[in-house]
């Protein structure tokens, strides 16, 4: 698994809690294709992110702990619940995954390819860079969070 991150006490403590139980899921901004493993509501999930060059968009696949796909080809769109409305699989996370733009620009995340910079007799490689995990963050809202929002809190 490219870029795999296993859940640990360190990553659980580093996840930022946003509201009642909202959790920010740490993502990578240094790879156009990566996989992370997270625990959501007591269940283990594998989230795979892939940059689609043709559409200039990131897509996400959700797998269970046995790496069986639950839902695939979910476009990573800012400000919209990901996969909630389309998936009736009982293995899916009970809460809601939402991409949030920390700069409030409401733009979806992009990947910028690396390039070589030439200066006289040296070549410097500038690595590629993605906005997932940087400007665009992934939050998980539990059922309790969604109830608080629904109640106007």
N, C-alpha and C. Protein backbone atom coordinates (compact mmCIF):
# COMPACT_ATOMS: atom_id res chain seq x y z
N UNK A 1 0.83 -1.18 0.00
CA UNK A 1 0.00 0.00 0.00
C UNK A 1 0.87 1.24 0.00
N UNK A 2 0.73 2.06 -0.98
CA UNK A 2 1.53 3.28 -1.09
C UNK A 2 1.04 4.30 -0.07
N UNK A 3 1.95 4.82 0.73
CA UNK A 3 1.59 5.88 1.67
C UNK A 3 0.66 5.43 2.78
N UNK A 4 0.73 4.18 3.19
CA UNK A 4 -0.19 3.65 4.19
C UNK A 4 0.15 4.19 5.57
N UNK A 5 -0.87 4.54 6.33
CA UNK A 5 -0.70 4.99 7.70
C UNK A 5 -1.60 4.13 8.57
N UNK A 6 -1.02 3.39 9.49
CA UNK A 6 -1.80 2.54 10.39
C UNK A 6 -2.26 3.38 11.58
N UNK A 7 -3.46 3.08 12.11
CA UNK A 7 -3.90 3.82 13.27
C UNK A 7 -2.99 3.52 14.47
N UNK A 8 -2.72 4.53 15.25
CA UNK A 8 -1.90 4.34 16.44
C UNK A 8 -2.34 5.37 17.46
N UNK A 9 -1.85 5.24 18.67
CA UNK A 9 -2.20 6.24 19.67
C UNK A 9 -1.65 7.59 19.28
N UNK A 10 -0.49 7.61 18.60
CA UNK A 10 0.10 8.88 18.16
C UNK A 10 -0.80 9.57 17.15
N UNK A 11 -1.29 8.84 16.10
CA UNK A 11 -2.12 9.48 15.09
C UNK A 11 -3.49 9.82 15.66
N UNK A 12 -3.98 9.01 16.61
CA UNK A 12 -5.28 9.31 17.21
C UNK A 12 -5.19 10.59 18.03
N UNK A 13 -4.06 10.78 18.73
CA UNK A 13 -3.90 12.00 19.52
C UNK A 13 -3.67 13.21 18.64
N UNK A 14 -3.07 13.01 17.44
CA UNK A 14 -2.78 14.14 16.58
C UNK A 14 -3.99 14.57 15.76
N UNK A 15 -5.04 13.73 15.70
CA UNK A 15 -6.24 14.12 14.97
C UNK A 15 -6.90 15.26 15.74
N UNK A 16 -7.27 16.30 15.02
CA UNK A 16 -7.84 17.48 15.65
C UNK A 16 -9.35 17.29 15.81
N UNK A 17 -9.87 17.49 17.00
CA UNK A 17 -11.31 17.38 17.25
C UNK A 17 -11.94 18.75 17.02
N UNK A 18 -12.97 18.77 16.21
CA UNK A 18 -13.57 20.03 15.77
C UNK A 18 -14.77 20.45 16.57
N UNK A 19 -15.63 19.56 16.93
CA UNK A 19 -16.85 19.92 17.62
C UNK A 19 -17.14 18.90 18.68
N UNK A 20 -18.35 18.47 18.75
CA UNK A 20 -18.76 17.47 19.72
C UNK A 20 -17.88 16.23 19.59
N UNK A 21 -17.89 15.57 18.44
CA UNK A 21 -17.04 14.41 18.19
C UNK A 21 -16.38 14.48 16.82
N UNK A 22 -16.48 15.61 16.13
CA UNK A 22 -15.90 15.72 14.80
C UNK A 22 -14.40 15.53 14.86
N UNK A 23 -13.87 14.75 13.91
CA UNK A 23 -12.44 14.46 13.89
C UNK A 23 -11.88 14.81 12.53
N UNK A 24 -10.74 15.48 12.51
CA UNK A 24 -10.04 15.72 11.26
C UNK A 24 -9.14 14.52 10.98
N UNK A 25 -9.29 13.93 9.81
CA UNK A 25 -8.50 12.77 9.41
C UNK A 25 -7.25 13.27 8.71
N UNK A 26 -6.06 12.95 9.24
CA UNK A 26 -4.82 13.43 8.60
C UNK A 26 -4.63 12.82 7.21
N UNK A 27 -4.36 13.67 6.22
CA UNK A 27 -4.14 13.23 4.84
C UNK A 27 -2.75 13.64 4.40
N UNK A 28 -2.31 13.11 3.27
CA UNK A 28 -0.98 13.42 2.73
C UNK A 28 -1.10 14.44 1.61
N UNK A 29 -0.18 15.39 1.59
CA UNK A 29 -0.16 16.37 0.50
C UNK A 29 1.03 16.15 -0.43
N UNK A 30 1.81 15.10 -0.17
CA UNK A 30 3.03 14.88 -0.94
C UNK A 30 2.91 13.78 -2.00
N UNK A 31 1.76 13.13 -2.12
CA UNK A 31 1.57 12.05 -3.10
C UNK A 31 0.24 12.21 -3.83
N UNK A 32 0.21 11.95 -5.14
CA UNK A 32 -1.06 12.02 -5.88
C UNK A 32 -1.92 10.77 -5.67
N UNK A 33 -1.33 9.69 -5.15
CA UNK A 33 -2.06 8.46 -4.85
C UNK A 33 -1.55 7.94 -3.51
N UNK A 34 -2.44 7.81 -2.55
CA UNK A 34 -2.04 7.32 -1.24
C UNK A 34 -3.22 6.64 -0.56
N UNK A 35 -2.90 5.87 0.46
CA UNK A 35 -3.89 5.15 1.23
C UNK A 35 -3.64 5.40 2.71
N UNK A 36 -4.72 5.59 3.47
CA UNK A 36 -4.60 5.70 4.92
C UNK A 36 -5.57 4.71 5.55
N UNK A 37 -5.26 4.32 6.76
CA UNK A 37 -6.13 3.43 7.52
C UNK A 37 -6.57 4.21 8.75
N UNK A 38 -7.90 4.27 8.96
CA UNK A 38 -8.45 5.04 10.08
C UNK A 38 -9.47 4.21 10.83
N UNK A 39 -9.69 4.60 12.08
CA UNK A 39 -10.76 4.01 12.87
C UNK A 39 -11.86 5.04 13.00
N UNK A 40 -13.06 4.68 12.58
CA UNK A 40 -14.22 5.56 12.66
C UNK A 40 -15.34 4.82 13.38
N UNK A 41 -15.82 5.37 14.46
CA UNK A 41 -16.88 4.75 15.26
C UNK A 41 -16.55 3.31 15.62
N UNK A 42 -15.29 3.04 15.95
CA UNK A 42 -14.88 1.72 16.40
C UNK A 42 -14.59 0.71 15.31
N UNK A 43 -14.73 1.08 14.05
CA UNK A 43 -14.45 0.17 12.93
C UNK A 43 -13.25 0.69 12.13
N UNK A 44 -12.47 -0.23 11.57
CA UNK A 44 -11.29 0.12 10.78
C UNK A 44 -11.69 0.23 9.30
N UNK A 45 -11.26 1.31 8.66
CA UNK A 45 -11.51 1.55 7.24
C UNK A 45 -10.20 1.91 6.56
N UNK A 46 -10.11 1.55 5.29
CA UNK A 46 -8.98 1.97 4.46
C UNK A 46 -9.53 2.97 3.45
N UNK A 47 -8.97 4.16 3.43
CA UNK A 47 -9.37 5.21 2.50
C UNK A 47 -8.27 5.38 1.48
N UNK A 48 -8.61 5.19 0.21
CA UNK A 48 -7.64 5.33 -0.88
C UNK A 48 -7.97 6.58 -1.66
N UNK A 49 -6.96 7.42 -1.89
CA UNK A 49 -7.12 8.67 -2.63
C UNK A 49 -6.27 8.60 -3.89
N UNK A 50 -6.85 9.02 -5.00
CA UNK A 50 -6.14 8.96 -6.28
C UNK A 50 -6.47 10.21 -7.10
N UNK A 51 -5.38 10.83 -7.63
CA UNK A 51 -5.55 11.99 -8.51
C UNK A 51 -5.88 11.50 -9.91
N UNK A 52 -6.98 12.01 -10.50
CA UNK A 52 -7.37 11.68 -11.86
C UNK A 52 -6.95 12.84 -12.75
N UNK A 53 -5.93 12.61 -13.57
CA UNK A 53 -5.37 13.67 -14.41
C UNK A 53 -6.38 14.17 -15.43
N UNK A 54 -7.12 13.26 -16.05
CA UNK A 54 -8.07 13.66 -17.10
C UNK A 54 -9.14 14.60 -16.56
N UNK A 55 -9.65 14.30 -15.36
CA UNK A 55 -10.71 15.14 -14.78
C UNK A 55 -10.17 16.24 -13.87
N UNK A 56 -8.86 16.20 -13.60
CA UNK A 56 -8.23 17.16 -12.68
C UNK A 56 -8.98 17.17 -11.35
N UNK A 57 -9.13 15.97 -10.77
CA UNK A 57 -9.86 15.83 -9.51
C UNK A 57 -9.33 14.62 -8.74
N UNK A 58 -9.44 14.71 -7.41
CA UNK A 58 -9.14 13.56 -6.56
C UNK A 58 -10.39 12.71 -6.43
N UNK A 59 -10.18 11.40 -6.33
CA UNK A 59 -11.26 10.44 -6.07
C UNK A 59 -10.87 9.59 -4.88
N UNK A 60 -11.88 9.12 -4.14
CA UNK A 60 -11.66 8.33 -2.95
C UNK A 60 -12.42 7.01 -3.05
N UNK A 61 -11.78 5.93 -2.57
CA UNK A 61 -12.43 4.63 -2.41
C UNK A 61 -12.44 4.31 -0.93
N UNK A 62 -13.52 3.69 -0.44
CA UNK A 62 -13.62 3.29 0.96
C UNK A 62 -13.66 1.76 1.01
N UNK A 63 -12.76 1.18 1.82
CA UNK A 63 -12.68 -0.27 2.00
C UNK A 63 -12.89 -0.61 3.47
N UNK A 64 -13.38 -1.82 3.74
CA UNK A 64 -13.48 -2.27 5.12
C UNK A 64 -12.13 -2.80 5.60
N UNK A 65 -12.08 -3.32 6.82
CA UNK A 65 -10.83 -3.80 7.41
C UNK A 65 -10.23 -4.97 6.63
N UNK A 66 -11.07 -5.73 5.92
CA UNK A 66 -10.59 -6.85 5.11
C UNK A 66 -10.22 -6.43 3.69
N UNK A 67 -10.21 -5.12 3.45
CA UNK A 67 -9.88 -4.52 2.15
C UNK A 67 -10.87 -4.90 1.05
N UNK A 68 -12.13 -5.08 1.46
CA UNK A 68 -13.22 -5.29 0.51
C UNK A 68 -13.87 -3.92 0.29
N UNK A 69 -14.04 -3.56 -0.97
CA UNK A 69 -14.56 -2.22 -1.26
C UNK A 69 -15.99 -2.05 -0.76
N UNK A 70 -16.23 -0.93 -0.12
CA UNK A 70 -17.57 -0.56 0.33
C UNK A 70 -18.19 0.41 -0.68
N UNK A 71 -17.39 1.38 -1.08
CA UNK A 71 -17.85 2.39 -2.03
C UNK A 71 -16.65 2.96 -2.76
N UNK A 72 -16.76 3.11 -4.08
CA UNK A 72 -15.63 3.57 -4.86
C UNK A 72 -15.96 4.74 -5.76
N UNK A 73 -14.91 5.35 -6.27
CA UNK A 73 -15.00 6.46 -7.21
C UNK A 73 -15.81 7.63 -6.67
N UNK A 74 -15.54 7.99 -5.43
CA UNK A 74 -16.20 9.14 -4.82
C UNK A 74 -15.37 10.38 -5.08
N UNK A 75 -15.91 11.32 -5.82
CA UNK A 75 -15.17 12.54 -6.14
C UNK A 75 -15.02 13.38 -4.88
N UNK A 76 -13.81 13.87 -4.62
CA UNK A 76 -13.52 14.67 -3.44
C UNK A 76 -13.94 16.11 -3.69
N UNK A 77 -15.12 16.45 -3.23
CA UNK A 77 -15.74 17.75 -3.47
C UNK A 77 -15.86 18.49 -2.14
N UNK A 78 -15.42 19.73 -2.10
CA UNK A 78 -15.47 20.54 -0.89
C UNK A 78 -16.91 20.87 -0.52
N UNK A 79 -17.22 20.72 0.78
CA UNK A 79 -18.50 21.17 1.31
C UNK A 79 -19.69 20.28 1.04
N UNK A 80 -19.46 19.05 0.65
CA UNK A 80 -20.56 18.15 0.34
C UNK A 80 -20.33 16.81 1.04
N UNK A 81 -21.36 16.21 1.66
CA UNK A 81 -21.15 14.91 2.31
C UNK A 81 -20.75 13.86 1.28
N UNK A 82 -19.66 13.16 1.54
CA UNK A 82 -19.11 12.21 0.58
C UNK A 82 -19.72 10.83 0.78
N UNK A 83 -20.44 10.35 -0.21
CA UNK A 83 -20.95 8.99 -0.22
C UNK A 83 -22.15 8.70 0.64
N UNK A 84 -22.63 9.66 1.41
CA UNK A 84 -23.74 9.42 2.33
C UNK A 84 -25.03 9.10 1.59
N UNK A 85 -25.33 9.87 0.56
CA UNK A 85 -26.61 9.72 -0.12
C UNK A 85 -26.66 8.53 -1.07
N UNK A 86 -25.50 8.07 -1.56
CA UNK A 86 -25.48 7.03 -2.57
C UNK A 86 -25.30 5.63 -2.00
N UNK A 87 -24.86 5.46 -0.77
CA UNK A 87 -24.45 4.15 -0.26
C UNK A 87 -25.39 3.63 0.81
N UNK A 88 -25.90 2.42 0.58
CA UNK A 88 -26.75 1.77 1.57
C UNK A 88 -26.07 0.57 2.21
N UNK A 89 -24.79 0.36 1.89
CA UNK A 89 -24.03 -0.76 2.44
C UNK A 89 -23.93 -0.60 3.96
N UNK A 90 -24.36 -1.59 4.74
CA UNK A 90 -24.32 -1.46 6.20
C UNK A 90 -22.90 -1.39 6.78
N UNK A 91 -21.87 -1.70 5.98
CA UNK A 91 -20.48 -1.62 6.46
C UNK A 91 -19.92 -0.21 6.41
N UNK A 92 -20.58 0.71 5.71
CA UNK A 92 -20.05 2.07 5.57
C UNK A 92 -20.04 2.77 6.92
N UNK A 93 -19.19 3.77 7.08
CA UNK A 93 -19.19 4.53 8.34
C UNK A 93 -20.57 5.11 8.62
N UNK A 94 -20.97 5.07 9.87
CA UNK A 94 -22.31 5.55 10.24
C UNK A 94 -22.42 7.07 10.10
N UNK A 95 -21.31 7.77 10.29
CA UNK A 95 -21.32 9.22 10.20
C UNK A 95 -21.12 9.72 8.78
N UNK A 96 -20.55 10.90 8.66
CA UNK A 96 -20.43 11.56 7.36
C UNK A 96 -19.00 12.08 7.18
N UNK A 97 -18.43 11.83 5.99
CA UNK A 97 -17.13 12.36 5.61
C UNK A 97 -17.36 13.65 4.81
N UNK A 98 -16.66 14.72 5.18
CA UNK A 98 -16.83 16.02 4.52
C UNK A 98 -15.46 16.64 4.29
N UNK A 99 -15.21 17.12 3.07
CA UNK A 99 -14.00 17.87 2.77
C UNK A 99 -14.27 19.34 3.04
N UNK A 100 -13.37 19.96 3.82
CA UNK A 100 -13.53 21.35 4.23
C UNK A 100 -12.35 22.16 3.72
N UNK A 101 -12.64 23.31 3.14
CA UNK A 101 -11.61 24.21 2.61
C UNK A 101 -11.19 25.16 3.72
N UNK A 102 -9.96 25.01 4.23
CA UNK A 102 -9.50 25.85 5.35
C UNK A 102 -9.29 27.30 4.94
N UNK A 103 -9.19 27.57 3.64
CA UNK A 103 -9.02 28.95 3.15
C UNK A 103 -10.36 29.59 2.77
N UNK A 104 -11.45 28.84 2.92
CA UNK A 104 -12.80 29.32 2.58
C UNK A 104 -12.93 29.77 1.14
N UNK A 105 -12.16 29.16 0.25
CA UNK A 105 -12.26 29.52 -1.17
C UNK A 105 -13.28 28.64 -1.90
N UNK A 106 -13.73 27.57 -1.23
CA UNK A 106 -14.71 26.63 -1.78
C UNK A 106 -14.27 26.00 -3.10
N UNK A 107 -12.94 25.87 -3.29
CA UNK A 107 -12.40 25.19 -4.46
C UNK A 107 -12.04 23.76 -4.09
N UNK A 108 -12.27 22.83 -4.99
CA UNK A 108 -11.92 21.44 -4.77
C UNK A 108 -10.40 21.29 -4.80
N UNK A 109 -9.86 20.25 -4.14
CA UNK A 109 -8.40 20.09 -4.08
C UNK A 109 -7.80 19.74 -5.44
N UNK A 110 -6.56 20.18 -5.65
CA UNK A 110 -5.84 19.89 -6.90
C UNK A 110 -4.47 19.30 -6.57
N UNK A 111 -3.85 18.70 -7.58
CA UNK A 111 -2.47 18.21 -7.52
C UNK A 111 -1.65 19.02 -8.50
N UNK A 112 -0.49 19.49 -8.06
CA UNK A 112 0.41 20.25 -8.91
C UNK A 112 1.64 19.39 -9.14
N UNK A 113 1.92 19.04 -10.40
CA UNK A 113 3.05 18.19 -10.73
C UNK A 113 4.36 18.84 -10.36
N UNK A 114 5.34 18.00 -10.01
CA UNK A 114 6.70 18.48 -9.75
C UNK A 114 7.36 18.93 -11.05
N UNK A 115 8.48 19.62 -10.92
CA UNK A 115 9.19 20.07 -12.12
C UNK A 115 10.67 20.23 -11.80
N UNK A 116 11.46 20.28 -12.85
CA UNK A 116 12.89 20.51 -12.72
C UNK A 116 13.19 21.99 -12.93
N UNK A 117 13.99 22.55 -12.03
CA UNK A 117 14.43 23.94 -12.18
C UNK A 117 15.90 23.93 -12.57
N UNK A 118 16.21 24.55 -13.68
CA UNK A 118 17.58 24.59 -14.19
C UNK A 118 18.21 25.93 -13.86
N UNK A 119 19.43 25.87 -13.27
CA UNK A 119 20.15 27.08 -12.91
C UNK A 119 21.64 26.85 -13.20
N UNK A 120 22.11 27.42 -14.29
CA UNK A 120 23.49 27.24 -14.74
C UNK A 120 23.84 25.76 -14.86
N UNK A 121 24.64 25.23 -13.95
CA UNK A 121 25.06 23.83 -14.08
C UNK A 121 24.37 22.90 -13.08
N UNK A 122 23.29 23.36 -12.42
CA UNK A 122 22.58 22.51 -11.46
C UNK A 122 21.12 22.35 -11.87
N UNK A 123 20.58 21.22 -11.48
CA UNK A 123 19.15 20.95 -11.69
C UNK A 123 18.56 20.63 -10.32
N UNK A 124 17.52 21.33 -9.97
CA UNK A 124 16.85 21.11 -8.70
C UNK A 124 15.45 20.58 -8.99
N UNK A 125 15.10 19.48 -8.35
CA UNK A 125 13.78 18.90 -8.54
C UNK A 125 12.83 19.45 -7.48
N UNK A 126 11.76 20.10 -7.93
CA UNK A 126 10.71 20.59 -7.04
C UNK A 126 9.64 19.50 -7.02
N UNK A 127 9.36 18.92 -5.84
CA UNK A 127 8.40 17.82 -5.80
C UNK A 127 6.97 18.27 -6.10
N UNK A 128 6.14 17.31 -6.50
CA UNK A 128 4.72 17.60 -6.68
C UNK A 128 4.08 17.94 -5.34
N UNK A 129 2.92 18.54 -5.42
CA UNK A 129 2.25 19.02 -4.22
C UNK A 129 0.74 18.91 -4.38
N UNK A 130 0.09 18.38 -3.37
CA UNK A 130 -1.37 18.28 -3.40
C UNK A 130 -2.00 19.11 -2.31
N UNK A 131 -3.24 19.50 -2.53
CA UNK A 131 -3.94 20.33 -1.55
C UNK A 131 -4.73 19.51 -0.53
N UNK A 132 -4.85 18.20 -0.75
CA UNK A 132 -5.49 17.36 0.26
C UNK A 132 -4.58 17.32 1.48
N UNK A 133 -5.14 17.53 2.64
CA UNK A 133 -4.35 17.52 3.86
C UNK A 133 -3.69 18.84 4.17
N UNK A 134 -3.76 19.77 3.23
CA UNK A 134 -3.21 21.10 3.46
C UNK A 134 -4.38 22.09 3.45
N UNK A 135 -4.67 22.68 2.30
CA UNK A 135 -5.81 23.61 2.22
C UNK A 135 -7.13 22.88 2.42
N UNK A 136 -7.24 21.70 1.84
CA UNK A 136 -8.49 20.92 1.94
C UNK A 136 -8.28 19.79 2.95
N UNK A 137 -9.12 19.78 3.96
CA UNK A 137 -9.02 18.81 5.05
C UNK A 137 -10.25 17.90 5.03
N UNK A 138 -10.05 16.67 5.53
CA UNK A 138 -11.16 15.72 5.61
C UNK A 138 -11.62 15.60 7.06
N UNK A 139 -12.91 15.84 7.28
CA UNK A 139 -13.49 15.72 8.60
C UNK A 139 -14.47 14.56 8.61
N UNK A 140 -14.57 13.90 9.76
CA UNK A 140 -15.57 12.86 9.96
C UNK A 140 -16.53 13.36 11.03
N UNK A 141 -17.80 13.44 10.67
CA UNK A 141 -18.85 13.86 11.59
C UNK A 141 -19.60 12.62 12.05
N UNK A 142 -19.64 12.39 13.35
CA UNK A 142 -20.38 11.25 13.89
C UNK A 142 -21.89 11.52 13.81
N UNK A 143 -22.68 10.49 14.10
CA UNK A 143 -24.13 10.68 14.13
C UNK A 143 -24.52 11.73 15.16
N UNK A 144 -23.81 11.75 16.30
CA UNK A 144 -24.07 12.76 17.35
C UNK A 144 -23.81 14.17 16.82
N UNK A 145 -22.74 14.34 16.05
CA UNK A 145 -22.43 15.64 15.44
C UNK A 145 -23.56 16.09 14.52
N UNK A 146 -24.01 15.16 13.67
CA UNK A 146 -25.07 15.50 12.72
C UNK A 146 -26.36 15.86 13.44
N UNK A 147 -26.63 15.22 14.58
CA UNK A 147 -27.83 15.55 15.36
C UNK A 147 -27.73 16.94 15.95
N UNK A 148 -26.52 17.30 16.45
CA UNK A 148 -26.31 18.64 17.00
C UNK A 148 -26.54 19.70 15.93
N UNK A 149 -26.02 19.47 14.71
CA UNK A 149 -26.21 20.40 13.60
C UNK A 149 -27.69 20.48 13.23
N UNK A 150 -28.34 19.32 13.15
CA UNK A 150 -29.78 19.29 12.80
C UNK A 150 -30.62 20.03 13.82
N UNK A 151 -30.20 20.00 15.10
CA UNK A 151 -30.93 20.68 16.16
C UNK A 151 -30.60 22.16 16.24
N UNK A 152 -29.73 22.64 15.33
CA UNK A 152 -29.39 24.06 15.28
C UNK A 152 -28.22 24.43 16.18
N UNK A 153 -27.49 23.44 16.71
CA UNK A 153 -26.39 23.73 17.63
C UNK A 153 -25.13 23.74 16.92
